[in-house]
Amino acid sequence: MGFEMIKPGVVLSSLVFALMGVAIFWLCFLIIDKITPYDLWGEIVEKQNVALALVVAAMSLGICVIIAAAIH
């Protein structure tokens, strides 16, 4: 196997896809935050709404799996 995976092109493309996935995730999160009738971040952080935090965590994992499958 050796050092075949440590090529500059492979490392660069991995970084680009990782950054692209994070950017798409944040864009999706902001869109969902705007669609909901209340401020998600304020509800979770300030009001300590654990149930909403679990729903947002599940939604985030779902978005991440979709983005990973699309990029892969």
Protein backbone atom coordinates (compact mmCIF):
# COMPACT_ATOMS: atom_id res chain seq x y z
CA MET A 1 0.00 0.00 0.00
CA GLY A 2 2.82 2.41 0.84
CA PHE A 3 2.47 6.12 0.37
CA GLU A 4 0.01 5.97 -2.52
CA MET A 5 -2.67 7.78 -0.52
CA ILE A 6 -0.38 10.69 0.40
CA LYS A 7 -0.33 12.36 -2.98
CA PRO A 8 -0.85 16.12 -3.16
CA GLY A 9 -3.82 15.73 -5.51
CA VAL A 10 -5.56 13.25 -3.22
CA VAL A 11 -5.02 15.37 -0.12
CA LEU A 12 -6.16 18.54 -1.90
CA SER A 13 -9.30 16.92 -3.29
CA SER A 14 -10.13 15.49 0.15
CA LEU A 15 -9.81 18.95 1.70
CA VAL A 16 -11.93 20.53 -1.03
CA PHE A 17 -14.69 17.94 -0.63
CA ALA A 18 -14.59 18.26 3.17
CA LEU A 19 -14.91 22.05 3.01
CA MET A 20 -17.64 21.77 0.40
CA GLY A 21 -19.57 19.35 2.61
CA VAL A 22 -19.30 21.63 5.64
CA ALA A 23 -20.41 24.65 3.59
CA ILE A 24 -23.43 22.77 2.19
CA PHE A 25 -24.33 21.56 5.69
CA TRP A 26 -24.27 25.08 7.15
CA LEU A 27 -26.31 26.38 4.23
CA CYS A 28 -28.94 23.67 4.83
CA PHE A 29 -28.94 24.39 8.56
CA LEU A 30 -29.47 28.13 7.96
CA ILE A 31 -32.32 27.41 5.55
CA ILE A 32 -34.01 25.11 8.04
CA ASP A 33 -33.45 27.70 10.79
CA LYS A 34 -35.20 30.33 8.66
CA ILE A 35 -38.09 27.97 7.82
CA THR A 36 -38.88 27.13 11.44
CA PRO A 37 -41.12 29.60 13.30
CA TYR A 38 -38.60 30.16 16.13
CA ASP A 39 -34.87 30.66 16.55
CA LEU A 40 -33.33 27.19 16.81
CA TRP A 41 -30.03 28.34 18.28
CA GLY A 42 -31.72 30.53 20.89
CA GLU A 43 -34.09 27.76 21.92
CA ILE A 44 -31.30 25.21 22.29
CA VAL A 45 -28.61 27.37 23.92
CA GLU A 46 -30.52 29.96 25.91
CA LYS A 47 -33.65 28.05 26.91
CA GLN A 48 -31.90 24.65 27.21
CA ASN A 49 -34.54 22.87 25.11
CA VAL A 50 -33.15 19.31 25.08
CA ALA A 51 -35.96 17.84 22.98
CA LEU A 52 -35.37 20.37 20.23
CA ALA A 53 -31.63 19.75 20.45
CA LEU A 54 -32.21 16.04 19.81
CA VAL A 55 -34.44 16.79 16.83
CA VAL A 56 -31.86 19.19 15.37
CA ALA A 57 -29.09 16.62 15.99
CA ALA A 58 -31.05 13.95 14.10
CA MET A 59 -31.75 16.41 11.30
CA SER A 60 -28.06 17.33 11.15
CA LEU A 61 -27.00 13.70 10.91
CA GLY A 62 -29.53 13.13 8.15
CA ILE A 63 -28.26 16.10 6.17
CA CYS A 64 -24.66 14.98 6.67
CA VAL A 65 -25.40 11.45 5.43
CA ILE A 66 -27.11 12.84 2.32
CA ILE A 67 -24.21 15.21 1.60
CA ALA A 68 -21.63 12.45 2.14
CA ALA A 69 -23.49 10.12 -0.20
CA ALA A 70 -23.78 12.84 -2.84
CA ILE A 71 -20.09 13.76 -2.65
CA HIS A 72 -18.90 10.15 -2.54
